C-alpha atoms as a PDB file:
ATOM      1  CA  UNK A   1       0.005   0.009  -0.022  1.00  0.00           C
ATOM      2  CA  UNK A   2       1.264   3.431  -0.849  1.00  0.00           C
ATOM      3  CA  UNK A   3       2.067   5.934   1.900  1.00  0.00           C
ATOM      4  CA  UNK A   4      -0.059   9.048   1.961  1.00  0.00           C
ATOM      5  CA  UNK A   5       1.547  12.406   1.600  1.00  0.00           C
ATOM      6  CA  UNK A   6       1.673  14.716   4.576  1.00  0.00           C
ATOM      7  CA  UNK A   7      -1.070  16.920   3.151  1.00  0.00           C
ATOM      8  CA  UNK A   8      -3.546  14.021   2.558  1.00  0.00           C
ATOM      9  CA  UNK A   9      -6.646  13.573   4.618  1.00  0.00           C
ATOM     10  CA  UNK A  10      -6.551  10.709   7.110  1.00  0.00           C
ATOM     11  CA  UNK A  11      -9.221   8.403   8.412  1.00  0.00           C
ATOM     12  CA  UNK A  12      -9.932   7.937  12.099  1.00  0.00           C
ATOM     13  CA  UNK A  13      -8.239   4.536  11.881  1.00  0.00           C
ATOM     14  CA  UNK A  14      -5.028   6.081  10.445  1.00  0.00           C
ATOM     15  CA  UNK A  15      -4.944   8.869  13.054  1.00  0.00           C
ATOM     16  CA  UNK A  16      -5.613   6.488  15.953  1.00  0.00           C
ATOM     17  CA  UNK A  17      -2.805   4.288  14.727  1.00  0.00           C
ATOM     18  CA  UNK A  18      -0.438   7.210  14.363  1.00  0.00           C
ATOM     19  CA  UNK A  19      -1.183   8.466  17.882  1.00  0.00           C
ATOM     20  CA  UNK A  20      -1.417   4.918  19.286  1.00  0.00           C
ATOM     21  CA  UNK A  21      -4.806   5.583  20.922  1.00  0.00           C
ATOM     22  CA  UNK A  22      -8.216   3.922  20.409  1.00  0.00           C
ATOM     23  CA  UNK A  23     -10.650   5.475  17.948  1.00  0.00           C
ATOM     24  CA  UNK A  24     -13.199   6.140  20.698  1.00  0.00           C
ATOM     25  CA  UNK A  25     -10.722   8.443  22.424  1.00  0.00           C
ATOM     26  CA  UNK A  26     -10.529  10.550  19.278  1.00  0.00           C
ATOM     27  CA  UNK A  27     -14.346  10.749  19.096  1.00  0.00           C
ATOM     28  CA  UNK A  28     -14.399  11.645  22.844  1.00  0.00           C
ATOM     29  CA  UNK A  29     -11.851  14.456  22.192  1.00  0.00           C
ATOM     30  CA  UNK A  30     -14.057  15.801  19.432  1.00  0.00           C
ATOM     31  CA  UNK A  31     -16.767  16.312  22.018  1.00  0.00           C
ATOM     32  CA  UNK A  32     -14.431  17.862  24.567  1.00  0.00           C
ATOM     33  CA  UNK A  33     -12.389  20.132  22.255  1.00  0.00           C
ATOM     34  CA  UNK A  34     -14.516  22.200  19.806  1.00  0.00           C
ATOM     35  CA  UNK A  35     -11.407  22.971  17.776  1.00  0.00           C
ATOM     36  CA  UNK A  36     -11.260  19.407  16.550  1.00  0.00           C
ATOM     37  CA  UNK A  37     -13.587  19.244  13.558  1.00  0.00           C
ATOM     38  CA  UNK A  38     -12.869  16.499  11.111  1.00  0.00           C
ATOM     39  CA  UNK A  39     -14.806  16.487   7.841  1.00  0.00           C
ATOM     40  CA  UNK A  40     -17.480  13.841   7.623  1.00  0.00           C
ATOM     41  CA  UNK A  41     -18.380  11.945   4.509  1.00  0.00           C
ATOM     42  CA  UNK A  42     -21.286   9.563   3.778  1.00  0.00           C
ATOM     43  CA  UNK A  43     -22.087   7.251   6.640  1.00  0.00           C
ATOM     44  CA  UNK A  44     -20.407   9.562   9.151  1.00  0.00           C
ATOM     45  CA  UNK A  45     -16.915   8.625   8.016  1.00  0.00           C
ATOM     46  CA  UNK A  46     -14.368  11.032   9.516  1.00  0.00           C
ATOM     47  CA  UNK A  47     -11.589  12.525   7.534  1.00  0.00           C
ATOM     48  CA  UNK A  48      -8.944  14.510   9.389  1.00  0.00           C
ATOM     49  CA  UNK A  49      -7.136  17.411   7.651  1.00  0.00           C
ATOM     50  CA  UNK A  50      -3.341  17.746   8.235  1.00  0.00           C
ATOM     51  CA  UNK A  51      -4.002  20.679  10.647  1.00  0.00           C
ATOM     52  CA  UNK A  52      -6.498  18.483  12.640  1.00  0.00           C
ATOM     53  CA  UNK A  53      -3.816  15.834  12.938  1.00  0.00           C
ATOM     54  CA  UNK A  54      -1.290  18.353  14.208  1.00  0.00           C
ATOM     55  CA  UNK A  55      -3.767  19.654  16.775  1.00  0.00           C
ATOM     56  CA  UNK A  56      -4.495  16.088  17.837  1.00  0.00           C
ATOM     57  CA  UNK A  57      -0.792  15.369  18.253  1.00  0.00           C
ATOM     58  CA  UNK A  58      -0.406  18.497  20.385  1.00  0.00           C
ATOM     59  CA  UNK A  59      -3.421  17.545  22.546  1.00  0.00           C
ATOM     60  CA  UNK A  60      -2.042  13.982  22.835  1.00  0.00           C
ATOM     61  CA  UNK A  61       1.279  15.357  24.021  1.00  0.00           C
ATOM     62  CA  UNK A  62      -0.361  17.599  26.587  1.00  0.00           C
ATOM     63  CA  UNK A  63      -2.483  14.811  27.974  1.00  0.00           C
ATOM     64  CA  UNK A  64      -0.085  11.819  27.787  1.00  0.00           C
ATOM     65  CA  UNK A  65       3.395  13.428  28.139  1.00  0.00           C
ATOM     66  CA  UNK A  66       2.859  16.693  29.967  1.00  0.00           C
ATOM     67  CA  UNK A  67       0.192  15.007  32.166  1.00  0.00           C
ATOM     68  CA  UNK A  68      -2.454  17.721  31.774  1.00  0.00           C
ATOM     69  CA  UNK A  69      -6.090  16.862  32.502  1.00  0.00           C
ATOM     70  CA  UNK A  70      -8.842  17.276  29.886  1.00  0.00           C
ATOM     71  CA  UNK A  71      -9.983  20.406  31.814  1.00  0.00           C
ATOM     72  CA  UNK A  72      -6.425  21.679  31.918  1.00  0.00           C
ATOM     73  CA  UNK A  73      -6.147  21.471  28.133  1.00  0.00           C
ATOM     74  CA  UNK A  74      -9.527  23.070  27.755  1.00  0.00           C
ATOM     75  CA  UNK A  75      -8.321  25.937  29.927  1.00  0.00           C
ATOM     76  CA  UNK A  76      -5.317  26.443  27.669  1.00  0.00           C
ATOM     77  CA  UNK A  77      -7.594  26.518  24.649  1.00  0.00           C
ATOM     78  CA  UNK A  78      -9.775  29.107  26.434  1.00  0.00           C
ATOM     79  CA  UNK A  79      -6.929  31.266  27.810  1.00  0.00           C
ATOM     80  CA  UNK A  80      -4.322  31.034  25.093  1.00  0.00           C
ATOM     81  CA  UNK A  81      -6.133  29.702  22.030  1.00  0.00           C
ATOM     82  CA  UNK A  82      -5.644  26.987  19.423  1.00  0.00           C
ATOM     83  CA  UNK A  83      -2.619  28.715  17.807  1.00  0.00           C
ATOM     84  CA  UNK A  84      -0.736  28.649  21.092  1.00  0.00           C
ATOM     85  CA  UNK A  85      -1.199  24.922  21.316  1.00  0.00           C
ATOM     86  CA  UNK A  86      -0.232  24.350  17.727  1.00  0.00           C
ATOM     87  CA  UNK A  87       2.834  26.669  17.963  1.00  0.00           C
ATOM     88  CA  UNK A  88       4.084  24.968  21.111  1.00  0.00           C
ATOM     89  CA  UNK A  89       3.418  21.508  19.767  1.00  0.00           C
ATOM     90  CA  UNK A  90       1.730  20.624  23.030  1.00  0.00           C
ATOM     91  CA  UNK A  91       4.784  21.288  25.109  1.00  0.00           C
ATOM     92  CA  UNK A  92       5.328  23.528  28.043  1.00  0.00           C
ATOM     93  CA  UNK A  93       7.944  25.626  26.229  1.00  0.00           C
ATOM     94  CA  UNK A  94       6.263  28.809  27.481  1.00  0.00           C
ATOM     95  CA  UNK A  95       8.118  29.630  30.677  1.00  0.00           C
ATOM     96  CA  UNK A  96       5.110  31.521  32.119  1.00  0.00           C
ATOM     97  CA  UNK A  97       2.998  28.338  31.860  1.00  0.00           C
ATOM     98  CA  UNK A  98       5.699  26.322  33.632  1.00  0.00           C
ATOM     99  CA  UNK A  99       6.068  28.951  36.377  1.00  0.00           C
ATOM    100  CA  UNK A 100       2.310  28.959  36.988  1.00  0.00           C
ATOM    101  CA  UNK A 101       2.307  25.167  37.207  1.00  0.00           C
ATOM    102  CA  UNK A 102       5.204  25.153  39.666  1.00  0.00           C
ATOM    103  CA  UNK A 103       3.509  27.875  41.712  1.00  0.00           C
ATOM    104  CA  UNK A 104       0.374  25.755  41.853  1.00  0.00           C
ATOM    105  CA  UNK A 105       2.302  22.683  42.999  1.00  0.00           C
ATOM    106  CA  UNK A 106       3.978  24.793  45.712  1.00  0.00           C
ATOM    107  CA  UNK A 107       0.607  26.087  46.942  1.00  0.00           C
ATOM    108  CA  UNK A 108      -0.810  22.572  47.078  1.00  0.00           C
ATOM    109  CA  UNK A 109       2.163  21.399  49.104  1.00  0.00           C
ATOM    110  CA  UNK A 110       1.726  24.358  51.526  1.00  0.00           C
ATOM    111  CA  UNK A 111      -2.006  23.644  51.972  1.00  0.00           C
ATOM    112  CA  UNK A 112      -1.223  19.927  52.582  1.00  0.00           C
ATOM    113  CA  UNK A 113       1.356  20.821  55.161  1.00  0.00           C
ATOM    114  CA  UNK A 114      -1.114  23.173  56.883  1.00  0.00           C
ATOM    115  CA  UNK A 115      -3.778  20.501  56.859  1.00  0.00           C
ATOM    116  CA  UNK A 116      -1.695  18.042  58.878  1.00  0.00           C
ATOM    117  CA  UNK A 117       0.436  20.457  60.922  1.00  0.00           C
ATOM    118  CA  UNK A 118      -1.874  20.306  63.952  1.00  0.00           C
ATOM    119  CA  UNK A 119      -2.011  16.515  63.947  1.00  0.00           C
ATOM    120  CA  UNK A 120      -0.033  14.653  66.551  1.00  0.00           C
ATOM    121  CA  UNK A 121       1.195  11.397  64.979  1.00  0.00           C
ATOM    122  CA  UNK A 122       1.314   9.782  68.488  1.00  0.00           C
ATOM    123  CA  UNK A 123      -2.431  10.217  68.805  1.00  0.00           C
ATOM    124  CA  UNK A 124      -3.328   8.515  65.531  1.00  0.00           C
ATOM    125  CA  UNK A 125      -4.809   5.043  65.880  1.00  0.00           C
ATOM    126  CA  UNK A 126      -2.760   1.999  64.708  1.00  0.00           C
ATOM    127  CA  UNK A 127      -5.374   1.102  62.103  1.00  0.00           C
ATOM    128  CA  UNK A 128      -5.100   4.659  60.591  1.00  0.00           C
ATOM    129  CA  UNK A 129      -1.305   4.438  60.577  1.00  0.00           C
ATOM    130  CA  UNK A 130      -1.476   1.076  58.718  1.00  0.00           C
ATOM    131  CA  UNK A 131      -4.027   2.591  56.240  1.00  0.00           C
ATOM    132  CA  UNK A 132      -1.702   5.557  55.629  1.00  0.00           C
ATOM    133  CA  UNK A 133       1.369   3.395  55.130  1.00  0.00           C
ATOM    134  CA  UNK A 134      -0.517   1.115  52.722  1.00  0.00           C
ATOM    135  CA  UNK A 135      -1.841   4.175  50.860  1.00  0.00           C
ATOM    136  CA  UNK A 136       1.720   5.631  50.541  1.00  0.00           C
ATOM    137  CA  UNK A 137       3.070   2.335  49.300  1.00  0.00           C
ATOM    138  CA  UNK A 138       0.370   2.041  46.697  1.00  0.00           C
ATOM    139  CA  UNK A 139       0.844   5.607  45.494  1.00  0.00           C
ATOM    140  CA  UNK A 140       4.602   5.082  45.222  1.00  0.00           C
ATOM    141  CA  UNK A 141       3.997   1.925  43.156  1.00  0.00           C
ATOM    142  CA  UNK A 142       1.622   3.829  40.854  1.00  0.00           C
ATOM    143  CA  UNK A 143       4.116   6.620  40.533  1.00  0.00           C
ATOM    144  CA  UNK A 144       6.838   4.157  39.427  1.00  0.00           C
ATOM    145  CA  UNK A 145       4.480   2.592  36.872  1.00  0.00           C
ATOM    146  CA  UNK A 146       3.596   5.974  35.439  1.00  0.00           C
ATOM    147  CA  UNK A 147       7.266   7.064  35.323  1.00  0.00           C
ATOM    148  CA  UNK A 148       8.258   3.822  33.467  1.00  0.00           C
ATOM    149  CA  UNK A 149       5.360   4.219  30.971  1.00  0.00           C
ATOM    150  CA  UNK A 150       6.232   7.822  30.077  1.00  0.00           C
ATOM    151  CA  UNK A 151      10.022   7.446  29.861  1.00  0.00           C
END
């Protein structure tokens, strides 16, 4: 089979294969991101333009590599626009965006520290301590799995 040129339209099957995600995820993204508008042909067959594919690649990068949530990407669309996402290729190259993210993480850490600062660990029940230790172990395991899958 002949390879398509870069400016050729692609089917949902071709795009899902290129991004290594299921087709239903692409259909879901179409509902969540109004900027994704593939052409439809008879029988509802989707055809993605090259600019649609580039936008999908940028969204994929934000969600799967940069670890944004759907609502986080929607916020970028709202605040900065489609062209910002396309220009950045779905990366956090914009220093301001990175600084805001780091500031947010710092604020979360401070709030968490405040939440438990008045707790006396000696007064916690043994069952609760076991629960916390198990939760921490499970979270660390999940963190390792995520790090391995994105490296």
